Amino acid sequence: MQCSHCGTEIGLRYIAERLIGIGEASRILGVNPKTMVRWDTMGILPGIRIGLWRIYEKESIEDLKKYSQGHRIDTRMIQAWMAEQQAY
């Protein structure tokens, strides 16, 4: 399978190591899965949609957690983090 964005060959190992479901992402961030759904629907923290599933890049979720420095993660923090990510 190839990535539709960059053409990189993606196998099941890649997916298993780098992508996580909404449950694990919400545990890492310390928020309710319903909050993750709301953020995705609003475009604040979009996930990758596969049918009814929402999945996230594990590295991005862990980076956001580090960025929060232990503070509660909210919409403003995500927007600031995303702005920093786009600046690179």
Protein backbone atom coordinates (compact mmCIF):
# COMPACT_ATOMS: atom_id res chain seq x y z
CA MET A 1 0.00 0.00 0.00
CA GLN A 2 1.23 3.53 -0.75
CA CYS A 3 0.59 6.77 1.10
CA SER A 4 -1.77 8.95 -0.92
CA HIS A 5 0.12 12.08 0.18
CA CYS A 6 3.78 11.22 -0.40
CA GLY A 7 3.80 7.87 -2.20
CA THR A 8 5.79 6.13 0.54
CA GLU A 9 5.26 2.39 0.74
CA ILE A 10 3.20 1.64 3.83
CA GLY A 11 2.94 -1.85 5.31
CA LEU A 12 1.08 -3.19 8.29
CA ARG A 13 4.18 -2.83 10.45
CA TYR A 14 4.34 0.91 9.64
CA ILE A 15 0.69 1.30 10.52
CA ALA A 16 0.99 -0.65 13.77
CA GLU A 17 4.05 1.31 14.92
CA ARG A 18 2.97 4.81 13.94
CA LEU A 19 -0.80 5.02 14.12
CA ILE A 20 -3.10 4.74 17.13
CA GLY A 21 -6.84 4.64 17.63
CA ILE A 22 -8.92 7.31 19.26
CA GLY A 23 -8.98 5.42 22.58
CA GLU A 24 -5.22 5.36 22.96
CA ALA A 25 -4.89 8.96 21.71
CA SER A 26 -7.44 10.17 24.25
CA ARG A 27 -5.63 8.28 27.06
CA ILE A 28 -2.30 9.87 26.11
CA LEU A 29 -3.84 13.35 26.08
CA GLY A 30 -5.96 12.77 29.17
CA VAL A 31 -9.25 13.67 27.49
CA ASN A 32 -12.50 11.84 26.85
CA PRO A 33 -12.79 10.09 23.47
CA LYS A 34 -15.93 12.20 22.84
CA THR A 35 -13.74 15.29 23.10
CA MET A 36 -11.45 13.83 20.43
CA VAL A 37 -14.49 13.24 18.19
CA ARG A 38 -15.64 16.83 18.76
CA TRP A 39 -12.17 18.23 17.98
CA ASP A 40 -12.05 16.12 14.81
CA THR A 41 -15.52 17.20 13.70
CA MET A 42 -14.64 20.87 14.32
CA GLY A 43 -11.33 20.51 12.48
CA ILE A 44 -9.32 21.41 15.59
CA LEU A 45 -7.43 18.13 15.83
CA PRO A 46 -8.38 16.11 12.77
CA GLY A 47 -7.81 12.41 12.72
CA ILE A 48 -7.41 10.13 9.75
CA ARG A 49 -10.79 8.65 8.88
CA ILE A 50 -11.04 5.04 7.77
CA GLY A 51 -14.71 4.21 7.57
CA LEU A 52 -16.07 4.90 11.04
CA TRP A 53 -12.61 4.73 12.63
CA ARG A 54 -10.54 7.73 13.60
CA ILE A 55 -6.82 7.15 13.88
CA TYR A 56 -3.96 9.46 14.74
CA GLU A 57 -0.22 9.59 14.23
CA LYS A 58 1.23 8.46 17.55
CA GLU A 59 4.21 10.83 17.26
CA SER A 60 1.94 13.86 16.79
CA ILE A 61 -0.21 12.98 19.79
CA GLU A 62 2.90 12.44 21.95
CA ASP A 63 4.35 15.77 20.70
CA LEU A 64 1.14 17.57 21.68
CA LYS A 65 1.30 15.95 25.12
CA LYS A 66 4.90 17.17 25.56
CA TYR A 67 3.92 20.64 24.34
CA SER A 68 1.22 20.83 27.03
CA GLN A 69 3.88 20.44 29.76
CA GLY A 70 1.35 18.78 32.03
CA HIS A 71 -1.32 21.46 31.59
CA ARG A 72 -4.88 20.69 30.58
CA ILE A 73 -5.12 20.38 26.82
CA ASP A 74 -7.79 22.60 25.30
CA THR A 75 -8.70 24.12 21.94
CA ARG A 76 -6.39 27.14 22.30
CA MET A 77 -3.41 24.97 23.19
CA ILE A 78 -4.00 22.71 20.19
CA GLN A 79 -4.29 25.70 17.88
CA ALA A 80 -1.02 27.17 19.22
CA TRP A 81 0.72 23.82 18.86
CA MET A 82 -0.55 23.37 15.31
CA ALA A 83 0.60 26.88 14.39
CA GLU A 84 4.09 26.00 15.65
CA GLN A 85 4.04 22.75 13.66
CA GLN A 86 3.13 24.60 10.47
CA ALA A 87 5.93 27.13 11.05
CA TYR A 88 8.53 24.37 10.61
